[in-house]
Amino acid sequence: LKGHHQEALKLLLEVEHLIPKPDAGDAEIFDHIAQAYLKLGDKPKALDYLKRASTLNPEDAKIRQRLEEVSH
């Protein structure tokens, strides 16, 4: 949903609720949620989701890079 960040975030959060366990998840979904929060100006929530994505997929260079950028 390019350019429709609020709508995209709503859909992504709905997908997140379909994840069976709270400690499980999909790094890509969390990364997309983080990007939507960034576009909406909510850096703390974006950082939280980037940390979760990084925990699930620590080898993903794009997630690591975004996490580093948002952390500073």
PDB file of N, CA and C in Angstrom:
ATOM      1  N   LEU A   1       0.838  -1.189   0.000  1.00  0.00           N
ATOM      2  CA  LEU A   1       0.000   0.000   0.000  1.00  0.00           C
ATOM      3  C   LEU A   1       0.877   1.244   0.000  1.00  0.00           C
ATOM      4  N   LYS A   2       1.606   1.397  -1.059  1.00  0.00           N
ATOM      5  CA  LYS A   2       2.537   2.515  -1.157  1.00  0.00           C
ATOM      6  C   LYS A   2       1.823   3.841  -0.962  1.00  0.00           C
ATOM      7  N   GLY A   3       2.359   4.611  -0.020  1.00  0.00           N
ATOM      8  CA  GLY A   3       1.804   5.924   0.253  1.00  0.00           C
ATOM      9  C   GLY A   3       0.641   5.923   1.222  1.00  0.00           C
ATOM     10  N   HIS A   4       0.092   4.782   1.508  1.00  0.00           N
ATOM     11  CA  HIS A   4      -1.040   4.659   2.429  1.00  0.00           C
ATOM     12  C   HIS A   4      -0.554   3.980   3.700  1.00  0.00           C
ATOM     13  N   HIS A   5       0.281   4.685   4.441  1.00  0.00           N
ATOM     14  CA  HIS A   5       0.989   4.088   5.575  1.00  0.00           C
ATOM     15  C   HIS A   5       0.057   3.678   6.711  1.00  0.00           C
ATOM     16  N   GLN A   6      -0.945   4.480   6.995  1.00  0.00           N
ATOM     17  CA  GLN A   6      -1.870   4.138   8.079  1.00  0.00           C
ATOM     18  C   GLN A   6      -2.641   2.871   7.736  1.00  0.00           C
ATOM     19  N   GLU A   7      -3.102   2.755   6.493  1.00  0.00           N
ATOM     20  CA  GLU A   7      -3.824   1.556   6.062  1.00  0.00           C
ATOM     21  C   GLU A   7      -2.906   0.335   6.077  1.00  0.00           C
ATOM     22  N   ALA A   8      -1.693   0.513   5.619  1.00  0.00           N
ATOM     23  CA  ALA A   8      -0.734  -0.587   5.601  1.00  0.00           C
ATOM     24  C   ALA A   8      -0.442  -1.054   7.022  1.00  0.00           C
ATOM     25  N   LEU A   9      -0.259  -0.102   7.925  1.00  0.00           N
ATOM     26  CA  LEU A   9       0.020  -0.455   9.313  1.00  0.00           C
ATOM     27  C   LEU A   9      -1.140  -1.251   9.902  1.00  0.00           C
ATOM     28  N   LYS A  10      -2.346  -0.815   9.644  1.00  0.00           N
ATOM     29  CA  LYS A  10      -3.527  -1.513  10.160  1.00  0.00           C
ATOM     30  C   LYS A  10      -3.541  -2.970   9.685  1.00  0.00           C
ATOM     31  N   LEU A  11      -3.306  -3.174   8.406  1.00  0.00           N
ATOM     32  CA  LEU A  11      -3.290  -4.528   7.862  1.00  0.00           C
ATOM     33  C   LEU A  11      -2.150  -5.364   8.442  1.00  0.00           C
ATOM     34  N   LEU A  12      -0.986  -4.767   8.564  1.00  0.00           N
ATOM     35  CA  LEU A  12       0.164  -5.493   9.105  1.00  0.00           C
ATOM     36  C   LEU A  12      -0.052  -5.876  10.572  1.00  0.00           C
ATOM     37  N   LEU A  13      -0.672  -5.002  11.329  1.00  0.00           N
ATOM     38  CA  LEU A  13      -0.955  -5.317  12.736  1.00  0.00           C
ATOM     39  C   LEU A  13      -1.990  -6.439  12.840  1.00  0.00           C
ATOM     40  N   GLU A  14      -2.917  -6.477  11.890  1.00  0.00           N
ATOM     41  CA  GLU A  14      -3.884  -7.589  11.856  1.00  0.00           C
ATOM     42  C   GLU A  14      -3.163  -8.904  11.576  1.00  0.00           C
ATOM     43  N   VAL A  15      -2.211  -8.866  10.668  1.00  0.00           N
ATOM     44  CA  VAL A  15      -1.427 -10.066  10.360  1.00  0.00           C
ATOM     45  C   VAL A  15      -0.631 -10.491  11.594  1.00  0.00           C
ATOM     46  N   GLU A  16      -0.068  -9.516  12.291  1.00  0.00           N
ATOM     47  CA  GLU A  16       0.702  -9.833  13.495  1.00  0.00           C
ATOM     48  C   GLU A  16      -0.158 -10.597  14.505  1.00  0.00           C
ATOM     49  N   HIS A  17      -1.417 -10.225  14.628  1.00  0.00           N
ATOM     50  CA  HIS A  17      -2.297 -10.893  15.587  1.00  0.00           C
ATOM     51  C   HIS A  17      -2.607 -12.337  15.193  1.00  0.00           C
ATOM     52  N   LEU A  18      -2.314 -12.705  13.967  1.00  0.00           N
ATOM     53  CA  LEU A  18      -2.525 -14.081  13.521  1.00  0.00           C
ATOM     54  C   LEU A  18      -1.356 -14.994  13.879  1.00  0.00           C
ATOM     55  N   ILE A  19      -0.270 -14.405  14.350  1.00  0.00           N
ATOM     56  CA  ILE A  19       0.897 -15.189  14.753  1.00  0.00           C
ATOM     57  C   ILE A  19       0.529 -15.947  16.032  1.00  0.00           C
ATOM     58  N   PRO A  20       0.702 -17.266  16.036  1.00  0.00           N
ATOM     59  CA  PRO A  20       0.191 -18.081  17.138  1.00  0.00           C
ATOM     60  C   PRO A  20       0.795 -17.825  18.517  1.00  0.00           C
ATOM     61  N   LYS A  21       2.083 -17.564  18.619  1.00  0.00           N
ATOM     62  CA  LYS A  21       2.712 -17.377  19.922  1.00  0.00           C
ATOM     63  C   LYS A  21       3.297 -15.971  20.004  1.00  0.00           C
ATOM     64  N   PRO A  22       3.242 -15.346  21.188  1.00  0.00           N
ATOM     65  CA  PRO A  22       3.774 -13.984  21.311  1.00  0.00           C
ATOM     66  C   PRO A  22       5.268 -13.874  21.035  1.00  0.00           C
ATOM     67  N   ASP A  23       6.036 -14.928  21.300  1.00  0.00           N
ATOM     68  CA  ASP A  23       7.481 -14.854  21.091  1.00  0.00           C
ATOM     69  C   ASP A  23       7.878 -15.320  19.696  1.00  0.00           C
ATOM     70  N   ALA A  24       6.893 -15.745  18.918  1.00  0.00           N
ATOM     71  CA  ALA A  24       7.164 -16.160  17.544  1.00  0.00           C
ATOM     72  C   ALA A  24       6.888 -14.961  16.639  1.00  0.00           C
ATOM     73  N   GLY A  25       7.059 -15.171  15.386  1.00  0.00           N
ATOM     74  CA  GLY A  25       6.744 -14.095  14.465  1.00  0.00           C
ATOM     75  C   GLY A  25       7.504 -14.243  13.174  1.00  0.00           C
ATOM     76  N   ASP A  26       7.332 -13.289  12.362  1.00  0.00           N
ATOM     77  CA  ASP A  26       7.954 -13.252  11.053  1.00  0.00           C
ATOM     78  C   ASP A  26       8.758 -11.959  10.983  1.00  0.00           C
ATOM     79  N   ALA A  27      10.053 -12.096  10.855  1.00  0.00           N
ATOM     80  CA  ALA A  27      10.926 -10.925  10.834  1.00  0.00           C
ATOM     81  C   ALA A  27      10.516  -9.937   9.748  1.00  0.00           C
ATOM     82  N   GLU A  28      10.102 -10.447   8.614  1.00  0.00           N
ATOM     83  CA  GLU A  28       9.720  -9.556   7.513  1.00  0.00           C
ATOM     84  C   GLU A  28       8.475  -8.737   7.861  1.00  0.00           C
ATOM     85  N   ILE A  29       7.493  -9.380   8.507  1.00  0.00           N
ATOM     86  CA  ILE A  29       6.295  -8.655   8.926  1.00  0.00           C
ATOM     87  C   ILE A  29       6.670  -7.564   9.933  1.00  0.00           C
ATOM     88  N   PHE A  30       7.507  -7.922  10.929  1.00  0.00           N
ATOM     89  CA  PHE A  30       7.915  -6.946  11.927  1.00  0.00           C
ATOM     90  C   PHE A  30       8.690  -5.797  11.289  1.00  0.00           C
ATOM     91  N   ASP A  31       9.515  -6.120  10.297  1.00  0.00           N
ATOM     92  CA  ASP A  31      10.267  -5.085   9.590  1.00  0.00           C
ATOM     93  C   ASP A  31       9.313  -4.142   8.855  1.00  0.00           C
ATOM     94  N   HIS A  32       8.309  -4.693   8.204  1.00  0.00           N
ATOM     95  CA  HIS A  32       7.336  -3.858   7.488  1.00  0.00           C
ATOM     96  C   HIS A  32       6.538  -2.984   8.459  1.00  0.00           C
ATOM     97  N   ILE A  33       6.178  -3.552   9.613  1.00  0.00           N
ATOM     98  CA  ILE A  33       5.466  -2.762  10.618  1.00  0.00           C
ATOM     99  C   ILE A  33       6.357  -1.601  11.068  1.00  0.00           C
ATOM    100  N   ALA A  34       7.626  -1.895  11.299  1.00  0.00           N
ATOM    101  CA  ALA A  34       8.570  -0.855  11.712  1.00  0.00           C
ATOM    102  C   ALA A  34       8.664   0.247  10.662  1.00  0.00           C
ATOM    103  N   GLN A  35       8.732  -0.133   9.407  1.00  0.00           N
ATOM    104  CA  GLN A  35       8.825   0.872   8.351  1.00  0.00           C
ATOM    105  C   GLN A  35       7.574   1.740   8.288  1.00  0.00           C
ATOM    106  N   ALA A  36       6.411   1.126   8.505  1.00  0.00           N
ATOM    107  CA  ALA A  36       5.170   1.906   8.512  1.00  0.00           C
ATOM    108  C   ALA A  36       5.174   2.894   9.675  1.00  0.00           C
ATOM    109  N   TYR A  37       5.596   2.432  10.850  1.00  0.00           N
ATOM    110  CA  TYR A  37       5.678   3.344  12.003  1.00  0.00           C
ATOM    111  C   TYR A  37       6.656   4.488  11.721  1.00  0.00           C
ATOM    112  N   LEU A  38       7.770   4.189  11.061  1.00  0.00           N
ATOM    113  CA  LEU A  38       8.719   5.249  10.719  1.00  0.00           C
ATOM    114  C   LEU A  38       8.082   6.283   9.798  1.00  0.00           C
ATOM    115  N   LYS A  39       7.356   5.807   8.804  1.00  0.00           N
ATOM    116  CA  LYS A  39       6.701   6.734   7.861  1.00  0.00           C
ATOM    117  C   LYS A  39       5.669   7.599   8.571  1.00  0.00           C
ATOM    118  N   LEU A  40       5.087   7.052   9.654  1.00  0.00           N
ATOM    119  CA  LEU A  40       4.083   7.800  10.410  1.00  0.00           C
ATOM    120  C   LEU A  40       4.696   8.625  11.537  1.00  0.00           C
ATOM    121  N   GLY A  41       6.038   8.562  11.670  1.00  0.00           N
ATOM    122  CA  GLY A  41       6.732   9.385  12.645  1.00  0.00           C
ATOM    123  C   GLY A  41       6.796   8.821  14.051  1.00  0.00           C
ATOM    124  N   ASP A  42       6.527   7.531  14.205  1.00  0.00           N
ATOM    125  CA  ASP A  42       6.558   6.914  15.540  1.00  0.00           C
ATOM    126  C   ASP A  42       7.837   6.086  15.687  1.00  0.00           C
ATOM    127  N   LYS A  43       8.928   6.784  15.972  1.00  0.00           N
ATOM    128  CA  LYS A  43      10.245   6.145  16.057  1.00  0.00           C
ATOM    129  C   LYS A  43      10.334   5.102  17.179  1.00  0.00           C
ATOM    130  N   PRO A  44       9.785   5.344  18.380  1.00  0.00           N
ATOM    131  CA  PRO A  44       9.880   4.330  19.438  1.00  0.00           C
ATOM    132  C   PRO A  44       9.231   2.989  19.059  1.00  0.00           C
ATOM    133  N   LYS A  45       8.056   3.046  18.446  1.00  0.00           N
ATOM    134  CA  LYS A  45       7.401   1.794  18.037  1.00  0.00           C
ATOM    135  C   LYS A  45       8.177   1.138  16.897  1.00  0.00           C
ATOM    136  N   ALA A  46       8.700   1.938  15.991  1.00  0.00           N
ATOM    137  CA  ALA A  46       9.505   1.397  14.899  1.00  0.00           C
ATOM    138  C   ALA A  46      10.725   0.669  15.454  1.00  0.00           C
ATOM    139  N   LEU A  47      11.373   1.282  16.417  1.00  0.00           N
ATOM    140  CA  LEU A  47      12.554   0.679  17.032  1.00  0.00           C
ATOM    141  C   LEU A  47      12.206  -0.645  17.702  1.00  0.00           C
ATOM    142  N   ASP A  48      11.088  -0.687  18.406  1.00  0.00           N
ATOM    143  CA  ASP A  48      10.654  -1.921  19.053  1.00  0.00           C
ATOM    144  C   ASP A  48      10.473  -3.044  18.027  1.00  0.00           C
ATOM    145  N   TYR A  49       9.810  -2.748  16.936  1.00  0.00           N
ATOM    146  CA  TYR A  49       9.569  -3.777  15.924  1.00  0.00           C
ATOM    147  C   TYR A  49      10.853  -4.164  15.194  1.00  0.00           C
ATOM    148  N   LEU A  50      11.748  -3.223  14.988  1.00  0.00           N
ATOM    149  CA  LEU A  50      13.027  -3.566  14.365  1.00  0.00           C
ATOM    150  C   LEU A  50      13.848  -4.477  15.271  1.00  0.00           C
ATOM    151  N   LYS A  51      13.797  -4.232  16.569  1.00  0.00           N
ATOM    152  CA  LYS A  51      14.505  -5.114  17.510  1.00  0.00           C
ATOM    153  C   LYS A  51      13.919  -6.524  17.455  1.00  0.00           C
ATOM    154  N   ARG A  52      12.607  -6.612  17.397  1.00  0.00           N
ATOM    155  CA  ARG A  52      11.958  -7.920  17.309  1.00  0.00           C
ATOM    156  C   ARG A  52      12.332  -8.630  16.009  1.00  0.00           C
ATOM    157  N   ALA A  53      12.355  -7.898  14.913  1.00  0.00           N
ATOM    158  CA  ALA A  53      12.727  -8.476  13.620  1.00  0.00           C
ATOM    159  C   ALA A  53      14.166  -8.952  13.646  1.00  0.00           C
ATOM    160  N   SER A  54      15.035  -8.160  14.235  1.00  0.00           N
ATOM    161  CA  SER A  54      16.450  -8.505  14.303  1.00  0.00           C
ATOM    162  C   SER A  54      16.677  -9.751  15.168  1.00  0.00           C
ATOM    163  N   THR A  55      15.916  -9.888  16.224  1.00  0.00           N
ATOM    164  CA  THR A  55      16.026 -11.067  17.086  1.00  0.00           C
ATOM    165  C   THR A  55      15.638 -12.332  16.319  1.00  0.00           C
ATOM    166  N   LEU A  56      14.598 -12.219  15.499  1.00  0.00           N
ATOM    167  CA  LEU A  56      14.134 -13.373  14.735  1.00  0.00           C
ATOM    168  C   LEU A  56      15.044 -13.712  13.562  1.00  0.00           C
ATOM    169  N   ASN A  57      15.680 -12.690  12.993  1.00  0.00           N
ATOM    170  CA  ASN A  57      16.529 -12.917  11.829  1.00  0.00           C
ATOM    171  C   ASN A  57      17.777 -12.038  11.940  1.00  0.00           C
ATOM    172  N   PRO A  58      18.707 -12.422  12.821  1.00  0.00           N
ATOM    173  CA  PRO A  58      19.889 -11.579  13.046  1.00  0.00           C
ATOM    174  C   PRO A  58      20.825 -11.461  11.843  1.00  0.00           C
ATOM    175  N   GLU A  59      20.703 -12.359  10.867  1.00  0.00           N
ATOM    176  CA  GLU A  59      21.585 -12.305   9.691  1.00  0.00           C
ATOM    177  C   GLU A  59      21.102 -11.342   8.611  1.00  0.00           C
ATOM    178  N   ASP A  60      19.890 -10.833   8.746  1.00  0.00           N
ATOM    179  CA  ASP A  60      19.333  -9.955   7.712  1.00  0.00           C
ATOM    180  C   ASP A  60      20.013  -8.586   7.770  1.00  0.00           C
ATOM    181  N   ALA A  61      20.817  -8.309   6.768  1.00  0.00           N
ATOM    182  CA  ALA A  61      21.602  -7.066   6.735  1.00  0.00           C
ATOM    183  C   ALA A  61      20.713  -5.826   6.649  1.00  0.00           C
ATOM    184  N   LYS A  62      19.608  -5.900   5.916  1.00  0.00           N
ATOM    185  CA  LYS A  62      18.730  -4.734   5.776  1.00  0.00           C
ATOM    186  C   LYS A  62      18.079  -4.387   7.116  1.00  0.00           C
ATOM    187  N   ILE A  63      17.649  -5.406   7.843  1.00  0.00           N
ATOM    188  CA  ILE A  63      17.045  -5.160   9.154  1.00  0.00           C
ATOM    189  C   ILE A  63      18.084  -4.581  10.104  1.00  0.00           C
ATOM    190  N   ARG A  64      19.286  -5.161  10.108  1.00  0.00           N
ATOM    191  CA  ARG A  64      20.361  -4.648  10.971  1.00  0.00           C
ATOM    192  C   ARG A  64      20.667  -3.194  10.648  1.00  0.00           C
ATOM    193  N   GLN A  65      20.726  -2.870   9.361  1.00  0.00           N
ATOM    194  CA  GLN A  65      21.033  -1.501   8.945  1.00  0.00           C
ATOM    195  C   GLN A  65      19.939  -0.534   9.403  1.00  0.00           C
ATOM    196  N   ARG A  66      18.666  -0.913   9.208  1.00  0.00           N
ATOM    197  CA  ARG A  66      17.577  -0.045   9.632  1.00  0.00           C
ATOM    198  C   ARG A  66      17.592   0.129  11.152  1.00  0.00           C
ATOM    199  N   LEU A  67      17.861  -0.960  11.871  1.00  0.00           N
ATOM    200  CA  LEU A  67      17.919  -0.897  13.334  1.00  0.00           C
ATOM    201  C   LEU A  67      19.017   0.066  13.781  1.00  0.00           C
ATOM    202  N   GLU A  68      20.151  -0.017  13.137  1.00  0.00           N
ATOM    203  CA  GLU A  68      21.258   0.871  13.472  1.00  0.00           C
ATOM    204  C   GLU A  68      20.892   2.334  13.189  1.00  0.00           C
ATOM    205  N   GLU A  69      20.255   2.587  12.051  1.00  0.00           N
ATOM    206  CA  GLU A  69      19.889   3.946  11.687  1.00  0.00           C
ATOM    207  C   GLU A  69      18.863   4.527  12.659  1.00  0.00           C
ATOM    208  N   VAL A  70      17.865   3.727  13.040  1.00  0.00           N
ATOM    209  CA  VAL A  70      16.813   4.214  13.924  1.00  0.00           C
ATOM    210  C   VAL A  70      17.318   4.369  15.351  1.00  0.00           C
ATOM    211  N   SER A  71      18.294   3.554  15.734  1.00  0.00           N
ATOM    212  CA  SER A  71      18.829   3.594  17.096  1.00  0.00           C
ATOM    213  C   SER A  71      19.631   4.864  17.364  1.00  0.00           C
ATOM    214  N   HIS A  72      20.102   5.507  16.307  1.00  0.00           N
ATOM    215  CA  HIS A  72      20.965   6.693  16.506  1.00  0.00           C
ATOM    216  C   HIS A  72      20.222   7.974  16.310  1.00  0.00           C
TER     217      HIS A  72
END
